[in-house]
Amino acid sequence: MNTARIKSRWLAMPLLIFCGIAGLGLASAKADHDPAVEQYVSREGGSICSELAQYPTTGAVQGTVDGTQIAGGFTHLQAVEIIQLSVQRYCPQYLELVTQSFRLH
């Protein structure tokens, strides 16, 4: 193997490492959701959006999280995920409201 070939392989190594690390980040970013969360979003996502349409406030978002947690028997984090997924899928016009609500609390 000549020195030019060895040098080019060593120069490519940081790029390969970066791509490998970035690829792992992308894979974990698209994690599968809990089946119970998915089922609840499929069943109640439209109702969640109706609630937000009627009361488009940060307080209503937090109340919806609390109600989802109690009614569905979910943890707080699962309830937040349910609200986020519902809004992403069924009423993206409320994404900014939801994002703002979770920044405040």
N, C-alpha and C. Protein backbone atom coordinates (compact mmCIF):
# COMPACT_ATOMS: atom_id res chain seq x y z
N MET A 1 0.84 -1.17 0.00
CA MET A 1 0.00 0.00 0.00
C MET A 1 0.89 1.24 0.00
N ASN A 2 0.60 2.19 -0.86
CA ASN A 2 1.45 3.37 -0.92
C ASN A 2 1.02 4.41 0.11
N THR A 3 1.88 5.38 0.35
CA THR A 3 1.62 6.38 1.38
C THR A 3 0.42 7.27 1.06
N ALA A 4 0.19 7.55 -0.19
CA ALA A 4 -0.96 8.39 -0.56
C ALA A 4 -2.27 7.69 -0.19
N ARG A 5 -2.33 6.40 -0.42
CA ARG A 5 -3.54 5.64 -0.10
C ARG A 5 -3.75 5.58 1.41
N ILE A 6 -2.70 5.34 2.15
CA ILE A 6 -2.78 5.30 3.62
C ILE A 6 -3.23 6.66 4.16
N LYS A 7 -2.63 7.73 3.64
CA LYS A 7 -2.97 9.08 4.08
C LYS A 7 -4.45 9.38 3.80
N SER A 8 -4.95 9.00 2.62
CA SER A 8 -6.34 9.28 2.29
C SER A 8 -7.29 8.51 3.20
N ARG A 9 -6.92 7.32 3.59
CA ARG A 9 -7.77 6.56 4.53
C ARG A 9 -7.80 7.22 5.89
N TRP A 10 -6.66 7.70 6.36
CA TRP A 10 -6.62 8.38 7.66
C TRP A 10 -7.38 9.69 7.63
N LEU A 11 -7.34 10.38 6.50
CA LEU A 11 -8.08 11.63 6.38
C LEU A 11 -9.59 11.38 6.35
N ALA A 12 -9.99 10.26 5.83
CA ALA A 12 -11.42 9.93 5.75
C ALA A 12 -11.97 9.43 7.09
N MET A 13 -11.10 8.96 7.97
CA MET A 13 -11.54 8.37 9.23
C MET A 13 -12.42 9.31 10.08
N PRO A 14 -12.03 10.59 10.29
CA PRO A 14 -12.91 11.46 11.09
C PRO A 14 -14.30 11.62 10.48
N LEU A 15 -14.37 11.68 9.16
CA LEU A 15 -15.67 11.78 8.50
C LEU A 15 -16.52 10.54 8.74
N LEU A 16 -15.89 9.38 8.66
CA LEU A 16 -16.62 8.13 8.91
C LEU A 16 -17.10 8.05 10.35
N ILE A 17 -16.25 8.46 11.28
CA ILE A 17 -16.64 8.45 12.69
C ILE A 17 -17.81 9.40 12.92
N PHE A 18 -17.71 10.62 12.35
CA PHE A 18 -18.79 11.59 12.51
C PHE A 18 -20.10 11.05 11.95
N CYS A 19 -20.05 10.46 10.75
CA CYS A 19 -21.27 9.91 10.14
C CYS A 19 -21.85 8.79 10.99
N GLY A 20 -20.99 7.98 11.58
CA GLY A 20 -21.47 6.91 12.44
C GLY A 20 -22.16 7.44 13.67
N ILE A 21 -21.57 8.47 14.29
CA ILE A 21 -22.17 9.07 15.48
C ILE A 21 -23.46 9.78 15.12
N ALA A 22 -23.45 10.54 14.03
CA ALA A 22 -24.67 11.24 13.61
C ALA A 22 -25.76 10.25 13.27
N GLY A 23 -25.40 9.14 12.64
CA GLY A 23 -26.38 8.11 12.30
C GLY A 23 -27.03 7.51 13.54
N LEU A 24 -26.23 7.31 14.59
CA LEU A 24 -26.79 6.80 15.84
C LEU A 24 -27.77 7.79 16.44
N GLY A 25 -27.45 9.07 16.36
CA GLY A 25 -28.35 10.10 16.88
C GLY A 25 -29.66 10.12 16.14
N LEU A 26 -29.60 9.96 14.82
CA LEU A 26 -30.84 9.94 14.04
C LEU A 26 -31.68 8.72 14.36
N ALA A 27 -31.04 7.59 14.57
CA ALA A 27 -31.78 6.37 14.87
C ALA A 27 -32.50 6.50 16.21
N SER A 28 -31.83 7.07 17.20
CA SER A 28 -32.46 7.18 18.51
C SER A 28 -33.50 8.30 18.54
N ALA A 29 -33.37 9.29 17.64
CA ALA A 29 -34.34 10.38 17.62
C ALA A 29 -35.71 9.89 17.15
N LYS A 30 -35.74 8.86 16.35
CA LYS A 30 -37.01 8.33 15.86
C LYS A 30 -37.34 7.05 16.64
N ALA A 31 -37.44 7.22 17.92
CA ALA A 31 -37.75 6.08 18.78
C ALA A 31 -39.22 5.68 18.62
N ASP A 32 -39.49 4.42 18.80
CA ASP A 32 -40.87 3.96 18.77
C ASP A 32 -41.58 4.44 20.02
N HIS A 33 -42.83 4.78 19.86
CA HIS A 33 -43.63 5.25 20.99
C HIS A 33 -44.28 4.05 21.67
N ASP A 34 -44.57 4.21 22.94
CA ASP A 34 -45.26 3.21 23.72
C ASP A 34 -46.59 2.89 23.01
N PRO A 35 -46.91 1.61 22.83
CA PRO A 35 -48.16 1.25 22.15
C PRO A 35 -49.40 1.84 22.83
N ALA A 36 -49.39 1.96 24.13
CA ALA A 36 -50.54 2.55 24.83
C ALA A 36 -50.67 4.03 24.47
N VAL A 37 -49.54 4.71 24.34
CA VAL A 37 -49.55 6.12 23.95
C VAL A 37 -50.08 6.25 22.53
N GLU A 38 -49.58 5.42 21.63
CA GLU A 38 -50.04 5.44 20.24
C GLU A 38 -51.55 5.19 20.14
N GLN A 39 -52.01 4.22 20.89
CA GLN A 39 -53.44 3.88 20.86
C GLN A 39 -54.28 5.05 21.37
N TYR A 40 -53.83 5.67 22.44
CA TYR A 40 -54.57 6.80 23.01
C TYR A 40 -54.60 7.97 22.03
N VAL A 41 -53.46 8.24 21.38
CA VAL A 41 -53.41 9.32 20.39
C VAL A 41 -54.37 9.03 19.24
N SER A 42 -54.39 7.81 18.76
CA SER A 42 -55.29 7.43 17.67
C SER A 42 -56.75 7.60 18.07
N ARG A 43 -57.04 7.26 19.31
CA ARG A 43 -58.43 7.30 19.78
C ARG A 43 -58.85 8.70 20.21
N GLU A 44 -57.97 9.46 20.86
CA GLU A 44 -58.35 10.72 21.50
C GLU A 44 -57.68 11.97 20.92
N GLY A 45 -56.80 11.80 19.93
CA GLY A 45 -56.07 12.94 19.38
C GLY A 45 -56.99 14.04 18.86
N GLY A 46 -58.06 13.65 18.19
CA GLY A 46 -59.02 14.63 17.69
C GLY A 46 -59.70 15.40 18.81
N SER A 47 -60.03 14.72 19.89
CA SER A 47 -60.67 15.37 21.05
C SER A 47 -59.71 16.36 21.71
N ILE A 48 -58.45 15.97 21.77
CA ILE A 48 -57.45 16.86 22.34
C ILE A 48 -57.37 18.14 21.51
N CYS A 49 -57.38 17.98 20.19
CA CYS A 49 -57.35 19.15 19.32
C CYS A 49 -58.61 20.00 19.46
N SER A 50 -59.75 19.37 19.63
CA SER A 50 -61.00 20.12 19.84
C SER A 50 -60.93 20.94 21.11
N GLU A 51 -60.36 20.35 22.15
CA GLU A 51 -60.20 21.06 23.42
C GLU A 51 -59.30 22.28 23.26
N LEU A 52 -58.20 22.10 22.53
CA LEU A 52 -57.29 23.22 22.31
C LEU A 52 -57.91 24.29 21.41
N ALA A 53 -58.77 23.87 20.48
CA ALA A 53 -59.45 24.84 19.61
C ALA A 53 -60.41 25.69 20.43
N GLN A 54 -61.05 25.06 21.40
CA GLN A 54 -62.01 25.78 22.24
C GLN A 54 -61.31 26.68 23.25
N TYR A 55 -60.17 26.25 23.77
CA TYR A 55 -59.41 26.99 24.77
C TYR A 55 -57.94 27.05 24.38
N PRO A 56 -57.57 27.92 23.45
CA PRO A 56 -56.18 27.97 22.98
C PRO A 56 -55.26 28.78 23.92
N THR A 57 -55.04 28.23 25.11
CA THR A 57 -54.18 28.89 26.08
C THR A 57 -53.18 27.89 26.65
N THR A 58 -52.10 28.43 27.22
CA THR A 58 -51.11 27.55 27.84
C THR A 58 -51.71 26.82 29.04
N GLY A 59 -52.61 27.48 29.74
CA GLY A 59 -53.28 26.83 30.87
C GLY A 59 -54.12 25.64 30.43
N ALA A 60 -54.77 25.78 29.28
CA ALA A 60 -55.58 24.68 28.76
C ALA A 60 -54.69 23.51 28.32
N VAL A 61 -53.52 23.82 27.80
CA VAL A 61 -52.60 22.74 27.43
C VAL A 61 -52.20 21.97 28.67
N GLN A 62 -51.85 22.69 29.73
CA GLN A 62 -51.45 22.01 30.97
C GLN A 62 -52.63 21.23 31.56
N GLY A 63 -53.83 21.80 31.50
CA GLY A 63 -55.01 21.09 31.98
C GLY A 63 -55.28 19.84 31.17
N THR A 64 -55.03 19.90 29.87
CA THR A 64 -55.22 18.73 29.02
C THR A 64 -54.20 17.65 29.35
N VAL A 65 -52.98 18.06 29.64
CA VAL A 65 -51.95 17.10 30.08
C VAL A 65 -52.40 16.44 31.37
N ASP A 66 -52.83 17.25 32.34
CA ASP A 66 -53.28 16.69 33.62
C ASP A 66 -54.46 15.75 33.45
N GLY A 67 -55.44 16.17 32.64
CA GLY A 67 -56.61 15.33 32.40
C GLY A 67 -56.26 14.03 31.70
N THR A 68 -55.34 14.10 30.76
CA THR A 68 -54.90 12.89 30.05
C THR A 68 -54.19 11.95 31.00
N GLN A 69 -53.39 12.52 31.87
CA GLN A 69 -52.66 11.71 32.85
C GLN A 69 -53.63 10.98 33.78
N ILE A 70 -54.62 11.67 34.25
CA ILE A 70 -55.59 11.08 35.18
C ILE A 70 -56.52 10.10 34.46
N ALA A 71 -57.11 10.54 33.34
CA ALA A 71 -58.09 9.70 32.64
C ALA A 71 -57.46 8.44 32.04
N GLY A 72 -56.24 8.56 31.55
CA GLY A 72 -55.62 7.43 30.89
C GLY A 72 -54.71 6.61 31.78
N GLY A 73 -54.43 7.11 32.98
CA GLY A 73 -53.52 6.39 33.87
C GLY A 73 -52.08 6.45 33.40
N PHE A 74 -51.73 7.55 32.75
CA PHE A 74 -50.37 7.71 32.21
C PHE A 74 -49.49 8.48 33.18
N THR A 75 -48.18 8.35 32.98
CA THR A 75 -47.25 9.20 33.71
C THR A 75 -47.34 10.60 33.11
N HIS A 76 -46.76 11.55 33.80
CA HIS A 76 -46.76 12.92 33.28
C HIS A 76 -46.05 12.99 31.93
N LEU A 77 -44.91 12.33 31.82
CA LEU A 77 -44.17 12.35 30.55
C LEU A 77 -44.94 11.71 29.41
N GLN A 78 -45.65 10.63 29.70
CA GLN A 78 -46.49 9.99 28.67
C GLN A 78 -47.61 10.93 28.25
N ALA A 79 -48.22 11.63 29.21
CA ALA A 79 -49.30 12.56 28.88
C ALA A 79 -48.79 13.71 28.02
N VAL A 80 -47.61 14.20 28.33
CA VAL A 80 -47.00 15.26 27.50
C VAL A 80 -46.76 14.73 26.08
N GLU A 81 -46.25 13.52 25.99
CA GLU A 81 -46.00 12.90 24.68
C GLU A 81 -47.32 12.75 23.91
N ILE A 82 -48.37 12.38 24.58
CA ILE A 82 -49.69 12.23 23.94
C ILE A 82 -50.15 13.56 23.36
N ILE A 83 -50.02 14.63 24.14
CA ILE A 83 -50.44 15.95 23.65
C ILE A 83 -49.59 16.35 22.45
N GLN A 84 -48.28 16.17 22.57
CA GLN A 84 -47.39 16.55 21.47
C GLN A 84 -47.71 15.76 20.19
N LEU A 85 -47.87 14.46 20.31
CA LEU A 85 -48.17 13.64 19.13
C LEU A 85 -49.53 13.99 18.54
N SER A 86 -50.50 14.21 19.39
CA SER A 86 -51.84 14.57 18.91
C SER A 86 -51.80 15.86 18.10
N VAL A 87 -51.11 16.84 18.63
CA VAL A 87 -51.02 18.13 17.94
C VAL A 87 -50.22 17.99 16.64
N GLN A 88 -49.13 17.26 16.68
CA GLN A 88 -48.34 17.06 15.46
C GLN A 88 -49.17 16.41 14.36
N ARG A 89 -49.97 15.44 14.73
CA ARG A 89 -50.71 14.66 13.74
C ARG A 89 -52.03 15.28 13.32
N TYR A 90 -52.77 15.89 14.26
CA TYR A 90 -54.14 16.29 13.98
C TYR A 90 -54.38 17.80 13.94
N CYS A 91 -53.55 18.57 14.60
CA CYS A 91 -53.79 20.02 14.61
C CYS A 91 -52.47 20.78 14.77
N PRO A 92 -51.62 20.71 13.76
CA PRO A 92 -50.30 21.33 13.87
C PRO A 92 -50.34 22.85 14.05
N GLN A 93 -51.50 23.45 13.83
CA GLN A 93 -51.61 24.89 14.05
C GLN A 93 -51.40 25.25 15.53
N TYR A 94 -51.47 24.26 16.42
CA TYR A 94 -51.27 24.51 17.85
C TYR A 94 -49.88 24.11 18.35
N LEU A 95 -48.98 23.78 17.43
CA LEU A 95 -47.63 23.37 17.83
C LEU A 95 -46.92 24.46 18.63
N GLU A 96 -47.01 25.69 18.18
CA GLU A 96 -46.35 26.79 18.89
C GLU A 96 -46.93 26.96 20.29
N LEU A 97 -48.24 26.86 20.42
CA LEU A 97 -48.89 26.97 21.74
C LEU A 97 -48.40 25.87 22.67
N VAL A 98 -48.35 24.65 22.18
CA VAL A 98 -47.90 23.52 22.99
C VAL A 98 -46.43 23.68 23.36
N THR A 99 -45.62 24.07 22.40
CA THR A 99 -44.19 24.27 22.68
C THR A 99 -44.00 25.36 23.73
N GLN A 100 -44.73 26.44 23.60
CA GLN A 100 -44.66 27.52 24.57
C GLN A 100 -45.13 27.05 25.95
N SER A 101 -46.16 26.25 26.00
CA SER A 101 -46.69 25.75 27.27
C SER A 101 -45.66 24.91 28.02
N PHE A 102 -44.95 24.08 27.29
CA PHE A 102 -43.98 23.20 27.94
C PHE A 102 -42.72 23.94 28.32
N ARG A 103 -42.45 25.07 27.66
CA ARG A 103 -41.31 25.90 28.06
C ARG A 103 -41.61 26.62 29.36
N LEU A 104 -42.88 26.97 29.57
CA LEU A 104 -43.27 27.73 30.76
C LEU A 104 -43.36 26.85 32.00
N HIS A 105 -43.65 25.57 31.82
CA HIS A 105 -43.88 24.71 32.99
C HIS A 105 -42.71 23.85 33.25
